[in-house]
Amino acid sequence: MSAASMWAVGICVAMGMTGAIGNALLADRL
């Protein structure tokens, strides 16, 4: 696995986690 693909996977995971946290906060407000 190249460094570039590892970096891309890391970004995908980070975006998925922030998206899940954002959805939880949004559900809390509604």
N, C-alpha and C. Protein backbone atom coordinates (compact mmCIF):
# COMPACT_ATOMS: atom_id res chain seq x y z
N MET A 1 0.86 -1.19 0.00
CA MET A 1 0.00 0.00 0.00
C MET A 1 0.90 1.24 0.00
N SER A 2 0.65 2.12 -0.93
CA SER A 2 1.50 3.31 -1.03
C SER A 2 1.08 4.37 -0.02
N ALA A 3 1.96 5.32 0.23
CA ALA A 3 1.66 6.38 1.20
C ALA A 3 0.46 7.20 0.74
N ALA A 4 0.35 7.42 -0.57
CA ALA A 4 -0.76 8.23 -1.08
C ALA A 4 -2.10 7.55 -0.82
N SER A 5 -2.17 6.24 -1.01
CA SER A 5 -3.44 5.56 -0.78
C SER A 5 -3.76 5.52 0.71
N MET A 6 -2.73 5.39 1.55
CA MET A 6 -2.97 5.39 3.00
C MET A 6 -3.51 6.75 3.42
N TRP A 7 -2.95 7.81 2.83
CA TRP A 7 -3.39 9.18 3.15
C TRP A 7 -4.84 9.36 2.72
N ALA A 8 -5.20 8.84 1.54
CA ALA A 8 -6.58 8.96 1.04
C ALA A 8 -7.54 8.20 1.96
N VAL A 9 -7.14 7.01 2.40
CA VAL A 9 -8.00 6.23 3.30
C VAL A 9 -8.18 6.98 4.61
N GLY A 10 -7.11 7.59 5.11
CA GLY A 10 -7.19 8.35 6.36
C GLY A 10 -8.19 9.49 6.24
N ILE A 11 -8.19 10.17 5.10
CA ILE A 11 -9.12 11.28 4.88
C ILE A 11 -10.56 10.76 4.83
N CYS A 12 -10.75 9.63 4.17
CA CYS A 12 -12.10 9.07 4.09
C CYS A 12 -12.62 8.71 5.48
N VAL A 13 -11.76 8.11 6.29
CA VAL A 13 -12.16 7.72 7.65
C VAL A 13 -12.47 8.97 8.47
N ALA A 14 -11.60 9.99 8.35
CA ALA A 14 -11.82 11.22 9.12
C ALA A 14 -13.13 11.89 8.71
N MET A 15 -13.41 11.91 7.41
CA MET A 15 -14.65 12.53 6.93
C MET A 15 -15.86 11.73 7.41
N GLY A 16 -15.74 10.42 7.39
CA GLY A 16 -16.85 9.57 7.86
C GLY A 16 -17.13 9.80 9.34
N MET A 17 -16.05 9.93 10.14
CA MET A 17 -16.23 10.13 11.58
C MET A 17 -16.84 11.50 11.86
N THR A 18 -16.34 12.55 11.18
CA THR A 18 -16.89 13.89 11.43
C THR A 18 -18.34 13.94 10.95
N GLY A 19 -18.65 13.22 9.88
CA GLY A 19 -20.02 13.19 9.38
C GLY A 19 -20.94 12.51 10.39
N ALA A 20 -20.47 11.42 11.00
CA ALA A 20 -21.28 10.70 11.99
C ALA A 20 -21.50 11.58 13.21
N ILE A 21 -20.45 12.29 13.64
CA ILE A 21 -20.57 13.17 14.81
C ILE A 21 -21.54 14.31 14.49
N GLY A 22 -21.43 14.87 13.28
CA GLY A 22 -22.32 15.95 12.88
C GLY A 22 -23.76 15.49 12.84
N ASN A 23 -24.00 14.27 12.35
CA ASN A 23 -25.36 13.74 12.30
C ASN A 23 -25.92 13.56 13.70
N ALA A 24 -25.08 13.10 14.63
CA ALA A 24 -25.52 12.90 16.02
C ALA A 24 -25.90 14.24 16.64
N LEU A 25 -25.07 15.27 16.41
CA LEU A 25 -25.37 16.59 16.97
C LEU A 25 -26.65 17.15 16.36
N LEU A 26 -26.81 16.93 15.05
CA LEU A 26 -28.00 17.44 14.37
C LEU A 26 -29.25 16.74 14.92
N ALA A 27 -29.17 15.44 15.12
CA ALA A 27 -30.31 14.69 15.65
C ALA A 27 -30.63 15.17 17.07
N ASP A 28 -29.60 15.53 17.83
CA ASP A 28 -29.81 16.04 19.18
C ASP A 28 -30.62 17.33 19.16
N ARG A 29 -30.30 18.20 18.20
CA ARG A 29 -30.98 19.50 18.15
C ARG A 29 -32.42 19.36 17.68
N LEU A 30 -32.70 18.39 16.82
CA LEU A 30 -34.07 18.19 16.33
C LEU A 30 -34.88 17.40 17.36
